[in-house]
């Protein structure tokens, strides 16, 4: 039973690490979108990258697209933060149980 608990704890720790990495990726993308929005406000012309080329775009269309991406990234970050917190709580409980089992 103790060996099984240890395996579950290790799997939980791996899941926590994966969620943390996803969270970092979405956070970086959110910062990139926010930066693009800030630059768009300063500019008179707007370009959108499509594949390997840059295409002239309507500033308002590009702004809407970036705002939508910002909302998606923000929502995904919130979900990942909740998931991370849940995993951290579970890992803490399991760690205590494992330590208690080792003392016995």
N, C-alpha and C. Protein backbone atom coordinates (compact mmCIF):
# COMPACT_ATOMS: atom_id res chain seq x y z
N UNK A 1 0.84 -1.21 0.00
CA UNK A 1 0.00 0.00 0.00
C UNK A 1 0.87 1.25 0.00
N UNK A 2 1.93 1.26 0.78
CA UNK A 2 2.81 2.43 0.87
C UNK A 2 3.50 2.69 -0.47
N UNK A 3 3.88 1.62 -1.18
CA UNK A 3 4.53 1.76 -2.49
C UNK A 3 3.55 2.37 -3.49
N UNK A 4 2.29 1.96 -3.42
CA UNK A 4 1.25 2.49 -4.31
C UNK A 4 1.04 3.98 -4.04
N UNK A 5 1.03 4.36 -2.78
CA UNK A 5 0.88 5.77 -2.42
C UNK A 5 2.04 6.60 -2.96
N UNK A 6 3.23 6.03 -2.90
CA UNK A 6 4.42 6.71 -3.41
C UNK A 6 4.31 6.92 -4.92
N UNK A 7 3.84 5.91 -5.63
CA UNK A 7 3.65 6.03 -7.08
C UNK A 7 2.62 7.12 -7.40
N UNK A 8 1.52 7.12 -6.67
CA UNK A 8 0.48 8.14 -6.87
C UNK A 8 1.03 9.54 -6.60
N UNK A 9 1.84 9.64 -5.58
CA UNK A 9 2.44 10.93 -5.24
C UNK A 9 3.36 11.40 -6.36
N UNK A 10 4.16 10.49 -6.90
CA UNK A 10 5.07 10.84 -7.99
C UNK A 10 4.28 11.27 -9.24
N UNK A 11 3.20 10.57 -9.54
CA UNK A 11 2.36 10.93 -10.69
C UNK A 11 1.75 12.31 -10.47
N UNK A 12 1.30 12.57 -9.27
CA UNK A 12 0.72 13.87 -8.93
C UNK A 12 1.75 14.98 -9.08
N UNK A 13 2.97 14.72 -8.63
CA UNK A 13 4.04 15.71 -8.75
C UNK A 13 4.35 15.99 -10.23
N UNK A 14 4.34 14.95 -11.05
CA UNK A 14 4.59 15.12 -12.49
C UNK A 14 3.46 15.94 -13.12
N UNK A 15 2.23 15.66 -12.72
CA UNK A 15 1.08 16.42 -13.23
C UNK A 15 1.19 17.88 -12.82
N UNK A 16 1.59 18.11 -11.60
CA UNK A 16 1.76 19.47 -11.09
C UNK A 16 2.82 20.21 -11.89
N UNK A 17 3.91 19.53 -12.19
CA UNK A 17 4.98 20.14 -12.98
C UNK A 17 4.50 20.46 -14.39
N UNK A 18 3.72 19.56 -14.99
CA UNK A 18 3.19 19.78 -16.35
C UNK A 18 2.25 20.98 -16.37
N UNK A 19 1.39 21.09 -15.37
CA UNK A 19 0.47 22.22 -15.28
C UNK A 19 1.25 23.52 -15.11
N UNK A 20 2.28 23.46 -14.29
CA UNK A 20 3.10 24.65 -14.06
C UNK A 20 3.76 25.11 -15.36
N UNK A 21 4.25 24.17 -16.15
CA UNK A 21 4.88 24.52 -17.43
C UNK A 21 3.86 25.11 -18.41
N UNK A 22 2.67 24.52 -18.46
CA UNK A 22 1.61 25.06 -19.32
C UNK A 22 1.25 26.48 -18.89
N UNK A 23 1.17 26.66 -17.59
CA UNK A 23 0.84 27.98 -17.05
C UNK A 23 1.88 29.01 -17.47
N UNK A 24 3.15 28.64 -17.42
CA UNK A 24 4.22 29.55 -17.84
C UNK A 24 4.10 29.89 -19.33
N UNK A 25 3.76 28.90 -20.14
CA UNK A 25 3.62 29.12 -21.58
C UNK A 25 2.47 30.08 -21.87
N UNK A 26 1.32 29.86 -21.24
CA UNK A 26 0.19 30.75 -21.46
C UNK A 26 0.46 32.15 -20.93
N UNK A 27 1.19 32.23 -19.83
CA UNK A 27 1.54 33.54 -19.28
C UNK A 27 2.44 34.31 -20.27
N UNK A 28 3.40 33.60 -20.86
CA UNK A 28 4.28 34.24 -21.85
C UNK A 28 3.48 34.69 -23.07
N UNK A 29 2.53 33.89 -23.50
CA UNK A 29 1.70 34.27 -24.64
C UNK A 29 0.82 35.47 -24.31
N UNK A 30 0.32 35.50 -23.09
CA UNK A 30 -0.50 36.63 -22.66
C UNK A 30 0.31 37.92 -22.66
N UNK A 31 1.54 37.85 -22.16
CA UNK A 31 2.41 39.02 -22.15
C UNK A 31 2.69 39.49 -23.58
N UNK A 32 2.90 38.53 -24.48
CA UNK A 32 3.16 38.86 -25.88
C UNK A 32 1.95 39.56 -26.52
N UNK A 33 0.76 39.07 -26.24
CA UNK A 33 -0.45 39.68 -26.78
C UNK A 33 -0.65 41.08 -26.20
N UNK A 34 -0.43 41.23 -24.91
CA UNK A 34 -0.57 42.55 -24.27
C UNK A 34 0.43 43.54 -24.85
N UNK A 35 1.63 43.08 -25.12
CA UNK A 35 2.65 43.92 -25.73
C UNK A 35 2.24 44.33 -27.14
N UNK A 36 1.72 43.38 -27.90
CA UNK A 36 1.26 43.66 -29.26
C UNK A 36 0.12 44.67 -29.24
N UNK A 37 -0.78 44.54 -28.29
CA UNK A 37 -1.89 45.50 -28.16
C UNK A 37 -1.37 46.90 -27.85
N UNK A 38 -0.40 46.98 -26.97
CA UNK A 38 0.17 48.28 -26.61
C UNK A 38 0.84 48.92 -27.82
N UNK A 39 1.57 48.14 -28.59
CA UNK A 39 2.23 48.67 -29.79
C UNK A 39 1.21 49.06 -30.84
N UNK A 40 0.14 48.31 -30.94
CA UNK A 40 -0.91 48.60 -31.92
C UNK A 40 -1.54 49.96 -31.65
N UNK A 41 -1.70 50.30 -30.38
CA UNK A 41 -2.29 51.59 -30.02
C UNK A 41 -1.40 52.76 -30.44
N UNK A 42 -0.09 52.53 -30.48
CA UNK A 42 0.86 53.58 -30.84
C UNK A 42 1.00 53.75 -32.35
N UNK A 43 0.60 52.74 -33.10
CA UNK A 43 0.86 52.71 -34.54
C UNK A 43 -0.33 53.17 -35.37
N UNK A 44 -0.02 53.73 -36.54
CA UNK A 44 -1.07 54.13 -37.48
C UNK A 44 -1.41 53.00 -38.44
N UNK A 45 -0.45 52.13 -38.69
CA UNK A 45 -0.67 51.00 -39.59
C UNK A 45 -0.56 49.70 -38.81
N UNK A 46 -1.20 48.66 -39.35
CA UNK A 46 -1.19 47.38 -38.66
C UNK A 46 -0.91 46.26 -39.66
N UNK A 47 -0.13 45.29 -39.20
CA UNK A 47 0.20 44.14 -40.01
C UNK A 47 -0.04 42.88 -39.20
N UNK A 48 -0.47 41.85 -39.91
CA UNK A 48 -0.72 40.57 -39.27
C UNK A 48 0.16 39.52 -39.93
N UNK A 49 0.75 38.66 -39.13
CA UNK A 49 1.59 37.60 -39.68
C UNK A 49 0.68 36.42 -40.02
N UNK A 50 0.74 36.04 -41.30
CA UNK A 50 -0.04 34.91 -41.79
C UNK A 50 0.95 33.93 -42.41
N UNK A 51 1.17 32.83 -41.72
CA UNK A 51 2.18 31.88 -42.19
C UNK A 51 3.55 32.51 -42.08
N UNK A 52 4.23 32.63 -43.24
CA UNK A 52 5.57 33.20 -43.26
C UNK A 52 5.60 34.63 -43.79
N UNK A 53 4.43 35.23 -43.99
CA UNK A 53 4.41 36.59 -44.54
C UNK A 53 3.64 37.53 -43.62
N UNK A 54 3.93 38.81 -43.80
CA UNK A 54 3.25 39.84 -43.04
C UNK A 54 2.28 40.56 -43.98
N UNK A 55 1.02 40.64 -43.58
CA UNK A 55 -0.02 41.20 -44.43
C UNK A 55 -0.61 42.43 -43.76
N UNK A 56 -0.84 43.47 -44.56
CA UNK A 56 -1.49 44.68 -44.03
C UNK A 56 -2.88 44.30 -43.54
N UNK A 57 -3.26 44.87 -42.41
CA UNK A 57 -4.54 44.52 -41.80
C UNK A 57 -5.20 45.77 -41.25
N UNK A 58 -6.51 45.72 -41.12
CA UNK A 58 -7.22 46.83 -40.50
C UNK A 58 -6.88 46.82 -39.01
N UNK A 59 -6.56 48.00 -38.52
CA UNK A 59 -6.14 48.14 -37.13
C UNK A 59 -7.22 47.63 -36.17
N UNK A 60 -8.47 47.94 -36.44
CA UNK A 60 -9.57 47.54 -35.57
C UNK A 60 -9.76 46.02 -35.58
N UNK A 61 -9.64 45.40 -36.74
CA UNK A 61 -9.76 43.94 -36.83
C UNK A 61 -8.65 43.26 -36.04
N UNK A 62 -7.46 43.78 -36.18
CA UNK A 62 -6.32 43.21 -35.47
C UNK A 62 -6.47 43.40 -33.96
N UNK A 63 -6.97 44.56 -33.56
CA UNK A 63 -7.20 44.82 -32.13
C UNK A 63 -8.22 43.83 -31.56
N UNK A 64 -9.32 43.61 -32.29
CA UNK A 64 -10.34 42.66 -31.84
C UNK A 64 -9.76 41.25 -31.71
N UNK A 65 -8.97 40.87 -32.70
CA UNK A 65 -8.34 39.55 -32.68
C UNK A 65 -7.43 39.39 -31.47
N UNK A 66 -6.63 40.41 -31.20
CA UNK A 66 -5.72 40.37 -30.05
C UNK A 66 -6.48 40.37 -28.73
N UNK A 67 -7.56 41.13 -28.65
CA UNK A 67 -8.38 41.16 -27.43
C UNK A 67 -8.99 39.78 -27.17
N UNK A 68 -9.45 39.12 -28.23
CA UNK A 68 -10.02 37.77 -28.08
C UNK A 68 -8.95 36.80 -27.58
N UNK A 69 -7.76 36.87 -28.16
CA UNK A 69 -6.67 36.00 -27.72
C UNK A 69 -6.33 36.27 -26.26
N UNK A 70 -6.34 37.54 -25.88
CA UNK A 70 -6.04 37.91 -24.49
C UNK A 70 -7.06 37.29 -23.54
N UNK A 71 -8.33 37.32 -23.92
CA UNK A 71 -9.38 36.73 -23.09
C UNK A 71 -9.20 35.22 -22.96
N UNK A 72 -8.88 34.57 -24.08
CA UNK A 72 -8.69 33.12 -24.06
C UNK A 72 -7.50 32.75 -23.17
N UNK A 73 -6.38 33.45 -23.34
CA UNK A 73 -5.19 33.15 -22.54
C UNK A 73 -5.46 33.43 -21.05
N UNK A 74 -6.15 34.51 -20.76
CA UNK A 74 -6.46 34.83 -19.36
C UNK A 74 -7.36 33.76 -18.74
N UNK A 75 -8.37 33.33 -19.48
CA UNK A 75 -9.27 32.30 -18.97
C UNK A 75 -8.52 30.98 -18.77
N UNK A 76 -7.69 30.63 -19.70
CA UNK A 76 -6.92 29.38 -19.59
C UNK A 76 -5.96 29.45 -18.40
N UNK A 77 -5.37 30.61 -18.19
CA UNK A 77 -4.47 30.79 -17.04
C UNK A 77 -5.22 30.59 -15.72
N UNK A 78 -6.43 31.12 -15.63
CA UNK A 78 -7.22 30.97 -14.40
C UNK A 78 -7.52 29.50 -14.13
N UNK A 79 -7.88 28.76 -15.21
CA UNK A 79 -8.16 27.33 -15.06
C UNK A 79 -6.91 26.59 -14.59
N UNK A 80 -5.78 26.91 -15.20
CA UNK A 80 -4.53 26.25 -14.83
C UNK A 80 -4.11 26.59 -13.40
N UNK A 81 -4.36 27.83 -12.98
CA UNK A 81 -4.03 28.22 -11.61
C UNK A 81 -4.86 27.43 -10.60
N UNK A 82 -6.16 27.23 -10.91
CA UNK A 82 -7.01 26.45 -10.02
C UNK A 82 -6.56 24.99 -9.98
N UNK A 83 -6.21 24.46 -11.16
CA UNK A 83 -5.75 23.10 -11.24
C UNK A 83 -4.44 22.92 -10.48
N UNK A 84 -3.54 23.89 -10.63
CA UNK A 84 -2.27 23.84 -9.92
C UNK A 84 -2.48 23.87 -8.41
N UNK A 85 -3.38 24.72 -7.96
CA UNK A 85 -3.66 24.82 -6.53
C UNK A 85 -4.23 23.50 -6.01
N UNK A 86 -5.13 22.90 -6.77
CA UNK A 86 -5.73 21.62 -6.37
C UNK A 86 -4.65 20.55 -6.26
N UNK A 87 -3.78 20.48 -7.25
CA UNK A 87 -2.70 19.49 -7.23
C UNK A 87 -1.75 19.74 -6.05
N UNK A 88 -1.47 21.01 -5.76
CA UNK A 88 -0.58 21.32 -4.65
C UNK A 88 -1.18 20.87 -3.32
N UNK A 89 -2.48 21.09 -3.17
CA UNK A 89 -3.15 20.67 -1.94
C UNK A 89 -3.12 19.14 -1.80
N UNK A 90 -3.43 18.45 -2.91
CA UNK A 90 -3.42 16.98 -2.89
C UNK A 90 -2.02 16.46 -2.61
N UNK A 91 -1.02 17.07 -3.24
CA UNK A 91 0.36 16.64 -3.04
C UNK A 91 0.78 16.86 -1.59
N UNK A 92 0.36 17.96 -1.00
CA UNK A 92 0.67 18.23 0.41
C UNK A 92 0.07 17.19 1.33
N UNK A 93 -1.17 16.82 1.07
CA UNK A 93 -1.83 15.80 1.88
C UNK A 93 -1.13 14.45 1.73
N UNK A 94 -0.84 14.10 0.48
CA UNK A 94 -0.19 12.81 0.23
C UNK A 94 1.21 12.77 0.86
N UNK A 95 1.90 13.89 0.80
CA UNK A 95 3.24 13.96 1.39
C UNK A 95 3.17 13.71 2.89
N UNK A 96 2.20 14.33 3.54
CA UNK A 96 2.03 14.13 4.98
C UNK A 96 1.72 12.67 5.30
N UNK A 97 0.84 12.06 4.47
CA UNK A 97 0.50 10.65 4.68
C UNK A 97 1.72 9.76 4.51
N UNK A 98 2.50 10.04 3.48
CA UNK A 98 3.70 9.24 3.23
C UNK A 98 4.70 9.38 4.38
N UNK A 99 4.89 10.58 4.86
CA UNK A 99 5.81 10.81 5.97
C UNK A 99 5.32 10.10 7.24
N UNK A 100 4.02 10.15 7.44
CA UNK A 100 3.43 9.49 8.60
C UNK A 100 3.63 7.98 8.49
N UNK A 101 3.46 7.44 7.27
CA UNK A 101 3.66 6.00 7.03
C UNK A 101 5.09 5.58 7.23
N UNK A 102 6.04 6.44 6.93
CA UNK A 102 7.45 6.11 7.10
C UNK A 102 7.84 6.08 8.57
N UNK A 103 7.20 6.91 9.36
CA UNK A 103 7.52 6.97 10.79
C UNK A 103 7.01 5.74 11.52
N UNK A 104 5.95 5.14 10.97
CA UNK A 104 5.33 3.98 11.64
C UNK A 104 6.09 2.71 11.40
